Structure formats: C-alpha cells, structure tokens
Protein backbone atom coordinates (compact mmCIF):
# COMPACT_ATOMS: atom_id res chain seq x y z
CA MET A 1 61.68 -46.50 13.22
CA ASN A 2 60.93 -49.08 15.89
CA PRO A 3 61.35 -47.28 19.24
CA ARG A 4 62.95 -50.49 20.49
CA GLN A 5 65.41 -50.91 17.66
CA LEU A 6 66.70 -54.35 18.64
CA GLU A 7 63.43 -55.98 19.63
CA GLY A 8 63.66 -59.76 19.23
CA LYS A 9 67.40 -59.73 18.52
CA HIS A 10 69.98 -61.80 20.37
CA ALA A 11 73.44 -60.31 20.81
CA LEU A 12 76.79 -61.56 22.05
CA ILE A 13 79.13 -58.90 23.46
CA THR A 14 82.73 -59.51 24.50
CA GLY A 15 84.54 -57.47 27.14
CA ALA A 16 81.14 -56.72 28.67
CA GLY A 17 82.26 -56.57 32.29
CA SER A 18 82.91 -52.81 32.29
CA GLY A 19 83.28 -49.67 30.20
CA ILE A 20 82.06 -49.64 26.61
CA GLY A 21 81.12 -53.32 26.69
CA ALA A 22 78.91 -52.94 29.75
CA ALA A 23 77.31 -49.76 28.37
CA THR A 24 76.63 -51.51 25.07
CA ALA A 25 75.05 -54.45 26.87
CA ARG A 26 72.73 -52.14 28.79
CA ALA A 27 71.86 -50.11 25.69
CA PHE A 28 71.10 -53.24 23.65
CA ALA A 29 68.91 -54.63 26.42
CA ALA A 30 67.06 -51.33 26.71
CA GLN A 31 66.36 -51.56 22.99
CA GLY A 32 64.82 -55.02 23.31
CA ALA A 33 67.74 -57.37 22.73
CA ALA A 34 68.60 -60.44 24.78
CA VAL A 35 72.30 -60.23 25.56
CA ALA A 36 74.96 -62.87 26.19
CA LEU A 37 77.90 -61.19 27.90
CA LEU A 38 81.47 -62.48 27.81
CA ASP A 39 84.44 -61.32 29.84
CA LEU A 40 87.63 -62.70 31.35
CA ASP A 41 86.44 -61.29 34.70
CA PHE A 42 83.38 -63.43 35.37
CA ALA A 43 82.44 -61.66 38.60
CA ALA A 44 82.33 -58.30 36.81
CA VAL A 45 80.33 -59.52 33.83
CA GLU A 46 77.91 -61.44 36.04
CA THR A 47 77.25 -58.22 37.94
CA VAL A 48 76.43 -56.45 34.66
CA ALA A 49 74.12 -59.29 33.60
CA ARG A 50 72.30 -59.18 36.93
CA SER A 51 71.80 -55.43 36.66
CA ILE A 52 70.14 -55.99 33.30
CA THR A 53 67.89 -58.85 34.38
CA ALA A 54 66.85 -56.80 37.43
CA LEU A 55 65.23 -54.39 34.97
CA GLY A 56 63.27 -57.18 33.31
CA ALA A 57 65.50 -57.77 30.27
CA LYS A 58 67.24 -60.98 29.29
CA ALA A 59 70.95 -61.37 29.98
CA VAL A 60 73.42 -64.09 30.79
CA ALA A 61 77.13 -64.01 31.64
CA PHE A 62 79.93 -66.35 30.56
CA ALA A 63 83.61 -66.37 31.44
CA CYS A 64 85.75 -66.17 28.31
CA ASP A 65 89.36 -65.52 27.36
CA VAL A 66 88.97 -64.24 23.80
CA GLY A 67 92.65 -64.90 23.10
CA ASP A 68 92.09 -68.62 23.60
CA ALA A 69 90.20 -70.36 20.78
CA ALA A 70 88.94 -73.18 23.01
CA SER A 71 87.59 -70.72 25.58
CA VAL A 72 85.82 -68.79 22.81
CA ALA A 73 84.33 -71.97 21.34
CA ALA A 74 82.91 -73.01 24.71
CA ALA A 75 81.49 -69.57 25.52
CA VAL A 76 79.99 -68.95 22.07
CA ASP A 77 78.41 -72.41 21.95
CA ALA A 78 76.93 -71.87 25.42
CA ALA A 79 75.57 -68.47 24.35
CA ILE A 80 73.95 -69.99 21.27
CA GLU A 81 72.45 -72.77 23.37
CA TRP A 82 71.04 -70.13 25.75
CA SER A 83 69.64 -67.87 23.04
CA GLY A 84 68.79 -70.35 20.31
CA ARG A 85 69.78 -67.78 17.70
CA LEU A 86 72.40 -65.06 17.51
CA HIS A 87 71.81 -62.01 15.34
CA ILE A 88 74.62 -59.71 16.52
CA LEU A 89 78.26 -60.13 17.58
CA VAL A 90 80.06 -57.19 19.19
CA ASN A 91 83.82 -57.74 19.36
CA ASN A 92 84.60 -55.25 22.11
CA ALA A 93 87.25 -56.93 24.29
CA GLY A 94 90.64 -55.25 24.00
CA ILE A 95 93.77 -54.15 25.83
CA ALA A 96 96.22 -51.26 25.41
CA HIS A 97 99.97 -50.74 25.48
CA VAL A 98 102.23 -47.69 25.66
CA GLY A 99 105.41 -47.85 23.61
CA THR A 100 107.20 -46.86 20.42
CA ALA A 101 109.00 -48.96 17.80
CA LEU A 102 112.15 -48.69 19.92
CA ASP A 103 110.84 -50.00 23.21
CA THR A 104 107.96 -52.31 22.26
CA THR A 105 109.09 -55.89 22.84
CA GLU A 106 108.06 -59.07 21.12
CA ALA A 107 106.22 -60.04 24.30
CA ASP A 108 104.33 -56.72 24.20
CA LEU A 109 103.26 -57.36 20.62
CA ASP A 110 102.19 -60.90 21.37
CA ARG A 111 100.14 -59.85 24.40
CA VAL A 112 98.28 -57.10 22.52
CA TYR A 113 97.74 -59.15 19.37
CA ARG A 114 96.49 -62.15 21.35
CA VAL A 115 93.51 -60.15 22.59
CA ASN A 116 92.95 -57.36 20.07
CA VAL A 117 93.51 -59.31 16.87
CA LYS A 118 93.23 -63.02 17.59
CA GLY A 119 90.35 -62.37 19.95
CA VAL A 120 88.33 -60.70 17.20
CA GLN A 121 89.15 -63.48 14.74
CA HIS A 122 88.37 -66.27 17.21
CA CYS A 123 84.92 -64.86 18.01
CA THR A 124 84.12 -63.96 14.42
CA GLN A 125 85.17 -67.37 13.14
CA ARG A 126 83.04 -69.15 15.72
CA VAL A 127 79.92 -67.03 15.19
CA LEU A 128 80.02 -66.72 11.39
CA PRO A 129 78.78 -70.25 10.54
CA HIS A 130 75.78 -69.70 12.81
CA LEU A 131 74.96 -66.34 11.18
CA ILE A 132 75.32 -67.79 7.69
CA ALA A 133 73.15 -70.79 8.52
CA HIS A 134 70.38 -68.49 9.74
CA GLY A 135 70.36 -66.02 6.89
CA GLY A 136 72.85 -63.42 8.10
CA GLY A 137 73.41 -60.98 10.90
CA CYS A 138 75.64 -58.18 12.13
CA ILE A 139 79.23 -58.15 13.34
CA LEU A 140 80.40 -54.96 15.00
CA ASN A 141 84.07 -54.52 15.90
CA MET A 142 85.35 -51.99 18.41
CA CYS A 143 88.26 -50.32 16.63
CA SER A 144 89.90 -46.96 17.37
CA ILE A 145 90.95 -43.71 15.75
CA ALA A 146 94.43 -45.23 16.23
CA ALA A 147 93.64 -47.25 13.09
CA LEU A 148 93.06 -44.02 11.14
CA ILE A 149 95.78 -41.64 12.39
CA GLY A 150 99.10 -41.77 14.19
CA ILE A 151 99.00 -41.56 17.99
CA GLU A 152 102.17 -41.06 20.00
CA ALA A 153 103.68 -44.09 21.78
CA ARG A 154 100.92 -46.50 20.81
CA LEU A 155 102.73 -48.71 18.29
CA ALA A 156 101.40 -52.14 19.29
CA TYR A 157 97.90 -50.85 20.02
CA SER A 158 97.72 -48.91 16.75
CA MET A 159 98.97 -51.92 14.78
CA SER A 160 96.34 -54.12 16.39
CA LYS A 161 93.52 -51.70 15.64
CA GLY A 162 94.73 -51.32 12.07
CA ALA A 163 94.33 -55.08 11.82
CA VAL A 164 90.80 -54.83 13.22
CA LEU A 165 89.91 -52.29 10.54
CA ALA A 166 91.32 -54.57 7.83
CA MET A 167 89.44 -57.56 9.26
CA THR A 168 86.23 -55.55 9.30
CA ARG A 169 86.49 -54.82 5.60
CA SER A 170 87.59 -58.35 4.73
CA VAL A 171 84.66 -59.95 6.55
CA ALA A 172 82.25 -57.44 5.00
CA VAL A 173 83.42 -58.34 1.49
CA ASP A 174 83.68 -62.08 2.02
CA PHE A 175 80.26 -62.61 3.61
CA MET A 176 78.06 -59.88 2.17
CA ALA A 177 76.34 -62.41 -0.08
CA HIS A 178 75.40 -64.40 3.02
CA GLY A 179 73.57 -61.46 4.59
CA VAL A 180 76.31 -60.68 7.08
CA ARG A 181 77.13 -57.01 7.70
CA CYS A 182 80.41 -56.05 9.38
CA ASN A 183 81.33 -52.54 10.53
CA CYS A 184 83.58 -51.00 13.15
CA ILE A 185 83.45 -48.06 15.54
CA CYS A 186 86.57 -45.92 15.96
CA PRO A 187 86.41 -43.98 19.22
CA ALA A 188 88.90 -41.43 20.45
CA ARG A 189 89.56 -41.56 24.19
CA VAL A 190 86.57 -42.72 26.18
CA HIS A 191 86.37 -42.31 29.95
CA THR A 192 86.12 -45.82 31.36
CA PRO A 193 87.41 -47.59 34.49
CA PHE A 194 90.13 -48.97 32.19
CA VAL A 195 91.36 -45.44 31.48
CA ASP A 196 91.37 -44.56 35.17
CA GLY A 197 93.33 -47.71 35.96
CA PHE A 198 95.73 -47.12 33.10
CA ILE A 199 96.48 -43.57 34.24
CA LYS A 200 96.99 -44.68 37.83
CA ALA A 201 99.35 -47.50 36.85
CA THR A 202 101.30 -45.60 34.18
CA TYR A 203 101.50 -42.13 35.72
CA PRO A 204 101.47 -42.58 39.53
CA GLY A 205 101.22 -39.26 41.32
CA ARG A 206 100.28 -37.47 38.09
CA GLU A 207 96.74 -38.78 37.72
CA ALA A 208 94.93 -35.41 37.62
CA GLU A 209 97.50 -33.91 35.25
CA MET A 210 97.31 -36.84 32.82
CA PHE A 211 93.52 -37.03 32.96
CA ALA A 212 93.35 -33.37 31.97
CA LYS A 213 95.90 -33.90 29.21
CA LEU A 214 94.11 -36.93 27.78
CA SER A 215 90.80 -35.07 27.92
CA ALA A 216 92.24 -32.02 26.14
CA TYR A 217 93.45 -34.20 23.27
CA GLN A 218 89.89 -34.13 21.94
CA PRO A 219 89.08 -30.66 20.53
CA MET A 220 85.73 -30.81 22.32
CA GLY A 221 87.76 -30.73 25.55
CA ARG A 222 86.65 -33.99 27.09
CA MET A 223 86.71 -37.74 26.62
CA GLY A 224 83.74 -39.54 25.19
CA THR A 225 81.42 -41.61 27.35
CA PRO A 226 80.72 -45.34 27.04
CA GLU A 227 77.06 -44.50 26.55
CA GLU A 228 77.84 -42.35 23.50
CA VAL A 229 79.71 -45.22 21.88
CA ALA A 230 76.92 -47.63 22.85
CA ALA A 231 74.34 -45.40 21.14
CA MET A 232 76.25 -45.69 17.88
CA ALA A 233 76.53 -49.45 18.39
CA VAL A 234 72.75 -49.70 18.76
CA TYR A 235 72.22 -47.97 15.43
CA LEU A 236 74.82 -50.01 13.53
CA ALA A 237 73.44 -53.26 14.93
CA SER A 238 69.85 -52.36 14.08
CA ASP A 239 67.91 -52.94 10.89
CA ALA A 240 68.00 -49.17 10.33
CA ALA A 241 71.65 -49.66 9.30
CA GLY A 242 70.82 -52.51 6.96
CA PHE A 243 72.48 -50.84 3.96
CA ILE A 244 75.80 -50.24 5.74
CA THR A 245 78.72 -52.66 5.72
CA GLY A 246 82.52 -52.53 5.64
CA GLN A 247 82.65 -49.05 7.17
CA ALA A 248 84.54 -47.38 10.01
CA PHE A 249 82.65 -44.86 12.14
CA PRO A 250 84.73 -42.36 14.15
CA ILE A 251 83.29 -41.01 17.39
CA ASP A 252 86.15 -38.73 18.27
CA GLY A 253 85.20 -35.36 19.74
CA GLY A 254 86.58 -33.59 16.67
CA VAL A 255 90.05 -35.16 16.54
CA LEU A 256 89.91 -36.00 12.83
CA VAL A 257 88.82 -32.53 11.71
CA ARG A 258 91.01 -30.30 13.83
C-alpha cells in the first residue's frame, strides 16, 4: 500500500472549518491530497487551510452555504478551477436538532433538511458531472448511527441521516458504471467543538453531567475522536477501497453490538 494513500488526489470537503471536517482535511493532506475546504464560517475554514499549507501541503478555503444551490455551484466551480481535477467529495457539513415527533416543528424539519439532506444533494449534483467526465471518483457522505438505530429525541436529525444513507446507496447504484464510488461513515458521538457548544446551549449548568452521560452512551465509555473518523475516511477515499461502494461503515465504540 502506498504510504501516502491519497498522493496526487484532489479532494473537496464540506464543513471543514472544525471537528470531523477539519480533521479529515488534515488527514487527507497528510496522505498527499490537495484539499479544497468549504464552510459557512469562512474565517474558521481559512484558518484550517492555512494550518495545512504551513506544513507544505496544498489547501484552499471557500465560503459556502451547502443549503443554497447557487452558493454550492460557485464554491464547487471555484474549487475545480483551483485544482483542475477533483477525485474525492466528502459531504461532511451537517447540523443537529433535539426533539421528538411531538415537539419537532415544520421549521425544525426544514432547517435540518436544508443542510443535512439538500446540502448533500447540492454538492453531489454539482460534482458528479465532473467526476463522470474524468472517469470516476469517490463520494463519501458523513452519516450517523442515527440512520441505523433509534436514538432518543433526535427525530429530525435521524430522519435526515436516514435520507443520507438512502442517497448514498442510490448514487452508488446509479453511477457505478461511470466509475463513481459512494459510501458513508456512520459515527456514534464524536467529541467536537460542536458537541461542546451543543451541550452548553442545551443543558446550561449541567455541562459536566451531560458530557459524562453522552460519553457513557458508547460501551467503550467515551466519545470517538475526529481523527478516528478521519482515518476511516482516508481509507474509503483511497484506491485501497476501490472495490467498495454503496456501504455504510459504523464507527461507534460498540453501540451496535451491545
């Protein structure tokens, strides 16, 4: 196996300003890829890109609202112009919501679906013609174990990730003949700045208690790390995974086998 598994590849990663997206960007760059990084927070994603270029790798940042098709078109086209050729798309951008079928509003559904579902479709739709025209490539969607099992008070989020799983399989089937592979990663809880912010906003004054509770949900007794998810992303995006498509890969600290 090539010790730099993504040497010569060009990747586009959404939601790359922090957490799993930023870790994936750094892991891809360390494995030889040039990375175009998209995020709604341009200052954050530019900081990530600069940290990568400071180490001698190639990276560029673009502001992008994945829920807006025009914003996606502009960012993807700029990334292609910068790289000349895209080989990998990582649909990582996503948001969460706490609520059941009783208290989830139409506005809640629309907000979550705009990013988690439409965002994946917008980016995939814009990148696919380029991949097809150049003989194929890899699309990797960030899904969740919420697409595989029931999780309390996560109706809108779970529905959106179920849609991501279905999209993954649909794209894999529809474009396999064009050399396009499409898979998804299904993490359990991963410790990111997003999780810290979510706990602080949702459970003020109970941060330590809720962090411990969310960590204990995984039978291994902790949350995953962004770097652990990024390591799986490297493999699935590499040529070593060339015979894999349409699959969902849990990285869950034992949740699915307990």
